[in-house]
Amino acid sequence: MLNNLAVPKYVQLQNIIKDKIITKQYHNGDKIPSETELMGTYSVTRTTIRKALSNLVYEGLLRKEQGKGTFVNFQDITHSMWNFSGFTNYAMSKEQIPVSRVLDKAIIEVDGHSFFKMVRARGMETNLSVSWYTIDTSLTPLKLFKGIEKKDFSLLSLYNVMKKDYNIIPKTASLEVSAVSSTAWTREILAYDQDVPLVRVKGSIYSDKNIEIERVDVVYNPNVKMHIITNMSINDK
């Protein structure tokens, strides 16, 4: 049964199925229950089920096969991406100093909701010089993180603030990797010379309760070696 009156039923169902996928109750390639079975299990309408499944297909966690049903589409990749598993911890593990430079911040409206938008360059300091590795754009919902825009994230870890000040624990990430063109702006910020395609990673960060707590859009310096995972624990950022 779906009993949280404050959350739309399709979102509740979507989160239940997502949790079953992430915790491997549903494995990659498994066929999930039919619409009729889901209607009986959760006492919801077919419209609610279709909206939940459609969103999970859009996120890439499910795939539909015409005439066969809906299947789990979630494969772990064997390596970690250090930016999402904790930039601060990663830098310290390398005995280097993590550095953040806030390039822009604002309160914006997206789909009728208020978000704190922050753009940062992330890098490491060694021998009194800084190497810049990423340009991170982060959207955090103000309904969950009231007053977060007042924090100084040139000095603070975003995920530490989430955990310590708001008791919200970043847990998993759903990410999409693509290529983007270099621009004069990215060359200036990341300090590279060649006009080469860059790796871009977009997606959402979820709490241990499967609530979306951040939308991320990260562009990487072309000199960064990429290692990617889609199911992970998140430490500091």
C-alpha atoms as a PDB file:
ATOM      1  CA  MET A   1       0.000   0.000   0.000  1.00  0.00           C
ATOM      2  CA  LEU A   2       1.082   3.587  -0.703  1.00  0.00           C
ATOM      3  CA  ASN A   3       0.164   5.681   2.330  1.00  0.00           C
ATOM      4  CA  ASN A   4       2.208   8.892   2.110  1.00  0.00           C
ATOM      5  CA  LEU A   5      -0.434  11.499   1.259  1.00  0.00           C
ATOM      6  CA  ALA A   6       2.214  14.198   0.740  1.00  0.00           C
ATOM      7  CA  VAL A   7       3.891  12.336  -2.138  1.00  0.00           C
ATOM      8  CA  PRO A   8       2.131  11.454  -5.422  1.00  0.00           C
ATOM      9  CA  LYS A   9       1.411   7.738  -5.687  1.00  0.00           C
ATOM     10  CA  TYR A  10       3.360   7.336  -8.914  1.00  0.00           C
ATOM     11  CA  VAL A  11       6.457   8.791  -7.177  1.00  0.00           C
ATOM     12  CA  GLN A  12       6.026   6.409  -4.225  1.00  0.00           C
ATOM     13  CA  LEU A  13       5.709   3.439  -6.583  1.00  0.00           C
ATOM     14  CA  GLN A  14       8.638   4.662  -8.650  1.00  0.00           C
ATOM     15  CA  ASN A  15      10.808   4.851  -5.512  1.00  0.00           C
ATOM     16  CA  ILE A  16       9.746   1.355  -4.377  1.00  0.00           C
ATOM     17  CA  ILE A  17      10.713  -0.191  -7.715  1.00  0.00           C
ATOM     18  CA  LYS A  18      13.945   1.819  -7.836  1.00  0.00           C
ATOM     19  CA  ASP A  19      14.860   0.600  -4.351  1.00  0.00           C
ATOM     20  CA  LYS A  20      14.253  -3.013  -5.414  1.00  0.00           C
ATOM     21  CA  ILE A  21      16.574  -2.470  -8.379  1.00  0.00           C
ATOM     22  CA  ILE A  22      19.338  -0.744  -6.414  1.00  0.00           C
ATOM     23  CA  THR A  23      19.246  -3.309  -3.607  1.00  0.00           C
ATOM     24  CA  LYS A  24      19.199  -6.117  -6.210  1.00  0.00           C
ATOM     25  CA  GLN A  25      15.818  -7.538  -5.267  1.00  0.00           C
ATOM     26  CA  TYR A  26      15.293  -7.058  -9.009  1.00  0.00           C
ATOM     27  CA  HIS A  27      18.427  -8.008 -10.966  1.00  0.00           C
ATOM     28  CA  ASN A  28      19.541  -6.742 -14.336  1.00  0.00           C
ATOM     29  CA  GLY A  29      17.467  -8.481 -17.017  1.00  0.00           C
ATOM     30  CA  ASP A  30      14.676  -9.503 -14.639  1.00  0.00           C
ATOM     31  CA  LYS A  31      11.132  -9.002 -15.844  1.00  0.00           C
ATOM     32  CA  ILE A  32       9.242  -6.908 -13.303  1.00  0.00           C
ATOM     33  CA  PRO A  33       5.615  -7.682 -12.358  1.00  0.00           C
ATOM     34  CA  SER A  34       2.976  -6.832 -14.932  1.00  0.00           C
ATOM     35  CA  GLU A  35       0.752  -3.770 -14.687  1.00  0.00           C
ATOM     36  CA  THR A  36      -2.089  -5.978 -13.472  1.00  0.00           C
ATOM     37  CA  GLU A  37       0.096  -7.523 -10.749  1.00  0.00           C
ATOM     38  CA  LEU A  38       1.339  -4.104  -9.629  1.00  0.00           C
ATOM     39  CA  MET A  39      -2.245  -2.811  -9.504  1.00  0.00           C
ATOM     40  CA  GLY A  40      -3.179  -5.669  -7.178  1.00  0.00           C
ATOM     41  CA  THR A  41      -0.094  -5.350  -4.991  1.00  0.00           C
ATOM     42  CA  TYR A  42      -0.168  -1.588  -4.471  1.00  0.00           C
ATOM     43  CA  SER A  43      -3.873  -0.774  -5.023  1.00  0.00           C
ATOM     44  CA  VAL A  44      -3.180   1.909  -7.617  1.00  0.00           C
ATOM     45  CA  THR A  45      -4.548   2.691 -11.049  1.00  0.00           C
ATOM     46  CA  ARG A  46      -3.005   1.634 -14.342  1.00  0.00           C
ATOM     47  CA  THR A  47      -2.299   5.319 -15.065  1.00  0.00           C
ATOM     48  CA  THR A  48      -0.239   5.602 -11.876  1.00  0.00           C
ATOM     49  CA  ILE A  49       1.751   2.484 -12.775  1.00  0.00           C
ATOM     50  CA  ARG A  50       2.423   3.612 -16.325  1.00  0.00           C
ATOM     51  CA  LYS A  51       3.664   7.009 -15.172  1.00  0.00           C
ATOM     52  CA  ALA A  52       6.013   5.425 -12.611  1.00  0.00           C
ATOM     53  CA  LEU A  53       7.374   2.917 -15.136  1.00  0.00           C
ATOM     54  CA  SER A  54       7.730   5.570 -17.823  1.00  0.00           C
ATOM     55  CA  ASN A  55       9.865   7.693 -15.497  1.00  0.00           C
ATOM     56  CA  LEU A  56      12.092   4.717 -14.652  1.00  0.00           C
ATOM     57  CA  VAL A  57      12.497   3.923 -18.362  1.00  0.00           C
ATOM     58  CA  TYR A  58      13.498   7.568 -18.912  1.00  0.00           C
ATOM     59  CA  GLU A  59      16.068   7.250 -16.099  1.00  0.00           C
ATOM     60  CA  GLY A  60      17.468   4.155 -17.767  1.00  0.00           C
ATOM     61  CA  LEU A  61      16.633   1.772 -14.919  1.00  0.00           C
ATOM     62  CA  LEU A  62      14.000  -0.122 -16.919  1.00  0.00           C
ATOM     63  CA  ARG A  63      13.480  -1.000 -20.561  1.00  0.00           C
ATOM     64  CA  LYS A  64      10.267  -1.971 -22.323  1.00  0.00           C
ATOM     65  CA  GLU A  65      10.151  -4.771 -24.890  1.00  0.00           C
ATOM     66  CA  GLN A  66       7.121  -4.712 -27.149  1.00  0.00           C
ATOM     67  CA  GLY A  67       4.885  -7.710 -26.468  1.00  0.00           C
ATOM     68  CA  LYS A  68       7.156  -9.099 -23.751  1.00  0.00           C
ATOM     69  CA  GLY A  69       6.997  -6.718 -20.777  1.00  0.00           C
ATOM     70  CA  THR A  70       9.249  -4.405 -18.761  1.00  0.00           C
ATOM     71  CA  PHE A  71      12.745  -5.465 -17.734  1.00  0.00           C
ATOM     72  CA  VAL A  72      15.431  -4.208 -15.364  1.00  0.00           C
ATOM     73  CA  ASN A  73      18.158  -2.320 -17.210  1.00  0.00           C
ATOM     74  CA  PHE A  74      20.749  -1.732 -14.493  1.00  0.00           C
ATOM     75  CA  GLN A  75      24.330  -2.931 -14.911  1.00  0.00           C
ATOM     76  CA  ASP A  76      27.117  -2.145 -12.496  1.00  0.00           C
ATOM     77  CA  ILE A  77      30.348  -0.924 -14.053  1.00  0.00           C
ATOM     78  CA  THR A  78      33.328  -2.141 -12.143  1.00  0.00           C
ATOM     79  CA  HIS A  79      35.230   1.076 -11.372  1.00  0.00           C
ATOM     80  CA  SER A  80      34.515   4.070  -9.179  1.00  0.00           C
ATOM     81  CA  MET A  81      34.207   7.681 -10.288  1.00  0.00           C
ATOM     82  CA  TRP A  82      36.025   9.616  -7.598  1.00  0.00           C
ATOM     83  CA  ASN A  83      34.079  12.822  -8.021  1.00  0.00           C
ATOM     84  CA  PHE A  84      30.797  11.159  -6.992  1.00  0.00           C
ATOM     85  CA  SER A  85      32.307   8.893  -4.364  1.00  0.00           C
ATOM     86  CA  GLY A  86      33.851  11.911  -2.639  1.00  0.00           C
ATOM     87  CA  PHE A  87      36.138  14.570  -4.110  1.00  0.00           C
ATOM     88  CA  THR A  88      37.320  15.722  -0.683  1.00  0.00           C
ATOM     89  CA  ASN A  89      38.199  12.232   0.512  1.00  0.00           C
ATOM     90  CA  TYR A  90      39.823  11.370  -2.806  1.00  0.00           C
ATOM     91  CA  ALA A  91      42.140  14.388  -2.670  1.00  0.00           C
ATOM     92  CA  MET A  92      43.104  13.679   0.917  1.00  0.00           C
ATOM     93  CA  SER A  93      43.806  10.024   0.096  1.00  0.00           C
ATOM     94  CA  LYS A  94      46.324  11.326  -2.433  1.00  0.00           C
ATOM     95  CA  GLU A  95      47.830  13.608   0.229  1.00  0.00           C
ATOM     96  CA  GLN A  96      46.702  16.646  -1.721  1.00  0.00           C
ATOM     97  CA  ILE A  97      44.569  19.596  -0.683  1.00  0.00           C
ATOM     98  CA  PRO A  98      41.052  19.773  -2.232  1.00  0.00           C
ATOM     99  CA  VAL A  99      40.203  23.217  -3.600  1.00  0.00           C
ATOM    100  CA  SER A 100      36.829  24.600  -4.697  1.00  0.00           C
ATOM    101  CA  ARG A 101      36.155  27.868  -6.494  1.00  0.00           C
ATOM    102  CA  VAL A 102      32.529  29.018  -6.626  1.00  0.00           C
ATOM    103  CA  LEU A 103      31.894  30.360 -10.121  1.00  0.00           C
ATOM    104  CA  ASP A 104      28.180  31.104  -9.781  1.00  0.00           C
ATOM    105  CA  LYS A 105      25.285  30.592  -7.391  1.00  0.00           C
ATOM    106  CA  ALA A 106      21.605  31.501  -7.481  1.00  0.00           C
ATOM    107  CA  ILE A 107      18.097  30.496  -6.437  1.00  0.00           C
ATOM    108  CA  ILE A 108      16.230  29.195  -9.482  1.00  0.00           C
ATOM    109  CA  GLU A 109      12.832  27.691 -10.248  1.00  0.00           C
ATOM    110  CA  VAL A 110      12.597  24.301 -12.002  1.00  0.00           C
ATOM    111  CA  ASP A 111       9.240  22.619 -12.637  1.00  0.00           C
ATOM    112  CA  GLY A 112       7.608  24.858 -10.026  1.00  0.00           C
ATOM    113  CA  HIS A 113      10.168  24.074  -7.302  1.00  0.00           C
ATOM    114  CA  SER A 114      12.964  26.217  -5.863  1.00  0.00           C
ATOM    115  CA  PHE A 115      16.554  25.005  -6.126  1.00  0.00           C
ATOM    116  CA  PHE A 116      19.914  26.317  -5.027  1.00  0.00           C
ATOM    117  CA  LYS A 117      22.096  26.308  -8.133  1.00  0.00           C
ATOM    118  CA  MET A 118      25.839  26.291  -7.584  1.00  0.00           C
ATOM    119  CA  VAL A 119      28.640  26.086 -10.144  1.00  0.00           C
ATOM    120  CA  ARG A 120      32.097  25.227  -8.841  1.00  0.00           C
ATOM    121  CA  ALA A 121      35.520  24.451 -10.249  1.00  0.00           C
ATOM    122  CA  ARG A 122      37.038  21.534  -8.318  1.00  0.00           C
ATOM    123  CA  GLY A 123      40.749  20.890  -8.087  1.00  0.00           C
ATOM    124  CA  MET A 124      43.737  19.982  -5.952  1.00  0.00           C
ATOM    125  CA  GLU A 125      46.594  22.043  -4.627  1.00  0.00           C
ATOM    126  CA  THR A 126      50.125  20.687  -4.767  1.00  0.00           C
ATOM    127  CA  ASN A 127      53.343  22.672  -4.335  1.00  0.00           C
ATOM    128  CA  LEU A 128      51.403  25.944  -4.094  1.00  0.00           C
ATOM    129  CA  SER A 129      49.724  25.451  -7.501  1.00  0.00           C
ATOM    130  CA  VAL A 130      46.185  24.261  -8.271  1.00  0.00           C
ATOM    131  CA  SER A 131      45.202  21.752 -10.933  1.00  0.00           C
ATOM    132  CA  TRP A 132      41.531  22.080 -11.873  1.00  0.00           C
ATOM    133  CA  TYR A 133      39.753  18.799 -12.641  1.00  0.00           C
ATOM    134  CA  THR A 134      36.027  19.497 -12.996  1.00  0.00           C
ATOM    135  CA  ILE A 135      33.344  22.121 -13.408  1.00  0.00           C
ATOM    136  CA  ASP A 136      30.428  20.989 -11.236  1.00  0.00           C
ATOM    137  CA  THR A 137      26.889  22.333 -11.552  1.00  0.00           C
ATOM    138  CA  SER A 138      24.679  21.298  -8.636  1.00  0.00           C
ATOM    139  CA  LEU A 139      20.955  21.817  -8.024  1.00  0.00           C
ATOM    140  CA  THR A 140      19.746  21.140  -4.471  1.00  0.00           C
ATOM    141  CA  PRO A 141      16.040  21.442  -3.567  1.00  0.00           C
ATOM    142  CA  LEU A 142      15.375  24.174  -1.023  1.00  0.00           C
ATOM    143  CA  LYS A 143      12.364  22.309   0.374  1.00  0.00           C
ATOM    144  CA  LEU A 144      14.894  19.825   1.787  1.00  0.00           C
ATOM    145  CA  PHE A 145      17.811  22.198   2.429  1.00  0.00           C
ATOM    146  CA  LYS A 146      16.467  25.522   3.671  1.00  0.00           C
ATOM    147  CA  GLY A 147      19.197  28.116   4.010  1.00  0.00           C
ATOM    148  CA  ILE A 148      21.841  26.039   2.249  1.00  0.00           C
ATOM    149  CA  GLU A 149      22.526  28.933  -0.116  1.00  0.00           C
ATOM    150  CA  LYS A 150      24.102  30.822   2.807  1.00  0.00           C
ATOM    151  CA  LYS A 151      26.908  28.270   3.219  1.00  0.00           C
ATOM    152  CA  ASP A 152      30.402  28.947   1.885  1.00  0.00           C
ATOM    153  CA  PHE A 153      31.042  25.995  -0.421  1.00  0.00           C
ATOM    154  CA  SER A 154      34.439  27.267  -1.417  1.00  0.00           C
ATOM    155  CA  LEU A 155      35.415  25.891   2.010  1.00  0.00           C
ATOM    156  CA  LEU A 156      32.754  23.312   2.888  1.00  0.00           C
ATOM    157  CA  SER A 157      31.900  19.849   1.584  1.00  0.00           C
ATOM    158  CA  LEU A 158      28.357  19.817   0.188  1.00  0.00           C
ATOM    159  CA  TYR A 159      27.681  16.259   1.315  1.00  0.00           C
ATOM    160  CA  ASN A 160      29.121  16.881   4.780  1.00  0.00           C
ATOM    161  CA  VAL A 161      26.714  19.815   5.135  1.00  0.00           C
ATOM    162  CA  MET A 162      23.811  17.623   3.989  1.00  0.00           C
ATOM    163  CA  LYS A 163      24.672  14.990   6.592  1.00  0.00           C
ATOM    164  CA  LYS A 164      25.647  17.159   9.532  1.00  0.00           C
ATOM    165  CA  ASP A 165      23.254  20.108   9.160  1.00  0.00           C
ATOM    166  CA  TYR A 166      20.217  18.426   7.581  1.00  0.00           C
ATOM    167  CA  ASN A 167      20.564  14.783   8.614  1.00  0.00           C
ATOM    168  CA  ILE A 168      20.215  13.720   4.983  1.00  0.00           C
ATOM    169  CA  ILE A 169      22.665  11.079   3.795  1.00  0.00           C
ATOM    170  CA  PRO A 170      23.695  10.914   0.117  1.00  0.00           C
ATOM    171  CA  LYS A 171      23.666   7.255  -0.851  1.00  0.00           C
ATOM    172  CA  THR A 172      23.288   6.419  -4.542  1.00  0.00           C
ATOM    173  CA  ALA A 173      23.614   8.070  -7.926  1.00  0.00           C
ATOM    174  CA  SER A 174      21.960   7.563 -11.306  1.00  0.00           C
ATOM    175  CA  LEU A 175      24.300   8.983 -13.962  1.00  0.00           C
ATOM    176  CA  GLU A 176      24.531   9.434 -17.727  1.00  0.00           C
ATOM    177  CA  VAL A 177      27.856   9.940 -19.493  1.00  0.00           C
ATOM    178  CA  SER A 178      28.170  11.855 -22.764  1.00  0.00           C
ATOM    179  CA  ALA A 179      30.650  13.957 -24.730  1.00  0.00           C
ATOM    180  CA  VAL A 180      30.487  17.741 -25.115  1.00  0.00           C
ATOM    181  CA  SER A 181      32.524  20.244 -27.075  1.00  0.00           C
ATOM    182  CA  SER A 182      35.209  22.410 -25.555  1.00  0.00           C
ATOM    183  CA  THR A 183      34.417  26.090 -25.152  1.00  0.00           C
ATOM    184  CA  ALA A 184      36.511  29.135 -24.421  1.00  0.00           C
ATOM    185  CA  TRP A 185      35.004  29.138 -20.920  1.00  0.00           C
ATOM    186  CA  THR A 186      35.887  25.510 -20.123  1.00  0.00           C
ATOM    187  CA  ARG A 187      39.410  26.029 -21.474  1.00  0.00           C
ATOM    188  CA  GLU A 188      39.850  29.077 -19.272  1.00  0.00           C
ATOM    189  CA  ILE A 189      38.504  27.431 -16.085  1.00  0.00           C
ATOM    190  CA  LEU A 190      40.133  24.021 -16.492  1.00  0.00           C
ATOM    191  CA  ALA A 191      43.340  25.447 -17.992  1.00  0.00           C
ATOM    192  CA  TYR A 192      43.893  23.077 -20.903  1.00  0.00           C
ATOM    193  CA  ASP A 193      45.116  23.975 -24.379  1.00  0.00           C
ATOM    194  CA  GLN A 194      43.820  21.522 -26.952  1.00  0.00           C
ATOM    195  CA  ASP A 195      40.318  21.936 -28.351  1.00  0.00           C
ATOM    196  CA  VAL A 196      39.161  18.368 -27.646  1.00  0.00           C
ATOM    197  CA  PRO A 197      35.784  16.826 -26.664  1.00  0.00           C
ATOM    198  CA  LEU A 198      35.144  16.665 -22.925  1.00  0.00           C
ATOM    199  CA  VAL A 199      33.401  14.053 -20.806  1.00  0.00           C
ATOM    200  CA  ARG A 200      30.149  15.250 -19.254  1.00  0.00           C
ATOM    201  CA  VAL A 201      28.275  13.391 -16.510  1.00  0.00           C
ATOM    202  CA  LYS A 202      24.675  14.265 -15.630  1.00  0.00           C
ATOM    203  CA  GLY A 203      22.267  12.677 -13.226  1.00  0.00           C
ATOM    204  CA  SER A 204      20.675  12.625  -9.813  1.00  0.00           C
ATOM    205  CA  ILE A 205      21.915  11.868  -6.316  1.00  0.00           C
ATOM    206  CA  TYR A 206      19.562  10.043  -3.943  1.00  0.00           C
ATOM    207  CA  SER A 207      19.439   9.796  -0.172  1.00  0.00           C
ATOM    208  CA  ASP A 208      19.375   6.576   1.818  1.00  0.00           C
ATOM    209  CA  LYS A 209      15.564   6.944   1.673  1.00  0.00           C
ATOM    210  CA  ASN A 210      15.619   7.113  -2.154  1.00  0.00           C
ATOM    211  CA  ILE A 211      14.713  10.817  -2.260  1.00  0.00           C
ATOM    212  CA  GLU A 212      16.344  12.916  -4.968  1.00  0.00           C
ATOM    213  CA  ILE A 213      18.575  15.379  -3.119  1.00  0.00           C
ATOM    214  CA  GLU A 214      20.747  16.773  -5.896  1.00  0.00           C
ATOM    215  CA  ARG A 215      20.902  17.101  -9.660  1.00  0.00           C
ATOM    216  CA  VAL A 216      24.433  17.163 -10.984  1.00  0.00           C
ATOM    217  CA  ASP A 217      26.095  18.173 -14.236  1.00  0.00           C
ATOM    218  CA  VAL A 218      29.875  17.740 -14.269  1.00  0.00           C
ATOM    219  CA  VAL A 219      32.353  18.513 -17.044  1.00  0.00           C
ATOM    220  CA  TYR A 220      35.815  16.950 -16.745  1.00  0.00           C
ATOM    221  CA  ASN A 221      39.245  18.234 -17.638  1.00  0.00           C
ATOM    222  CA  PRO A 222      40.443  16.212 -20.682  1.00  0.00           C
ATOM    223  CA  ASN A 223      43.479  15.085 -18.657  1.00  0.00           C
ATOM    224  CA  VAL A 224      41.313  13.295 -16.052  1.00  0.00           C
ATOM    225  CA  LYS A 225      41.212   9.499 -16.245  1.00  0.00           C
ATOM    226  CA  MET A 226      37.578   8.387 -15.975  1.00  0.00           C
ATOM    227  CA  HIS A 227      36.338   5.449 -13.886  1.00  0.00           C
ATOM    228  CA  ILE A 228      32.568   5.004 -13.709  1.00  0.00           C
ATOM    229  CA  ILE A 229      30.062   3.232 -11.488  1.00  0.00           C
ATOM    230  CA  THR A 230      26.266   3.473 -11.329  1.00  0.00           C
ATOM    231  CA  ASN A 231      25.604   1.972  -7.912  1.00  0.00           C
ATOM    232  CA  MET A 232      27.731   3.354  -5.092  1.00  0.00           C
ATOM    233  CA  SER A 233      27.982   4.788  -1.642  1.00  0.00           C
ATOM    234  CA  ILE A 234      28.740   8.500  -1.482  1.00  0.00           C
ATOM    235  CA  ASN A 235      31.003  10.104   1.090  1.00  0.00           C
ATOM    236  CA  ASP A 236      31.944  13.780   0.981  1.00  0.00           C
ATOM    237  CA  LYS A 237      31.754  16.179  -1.892  1.00  0.00           C
END
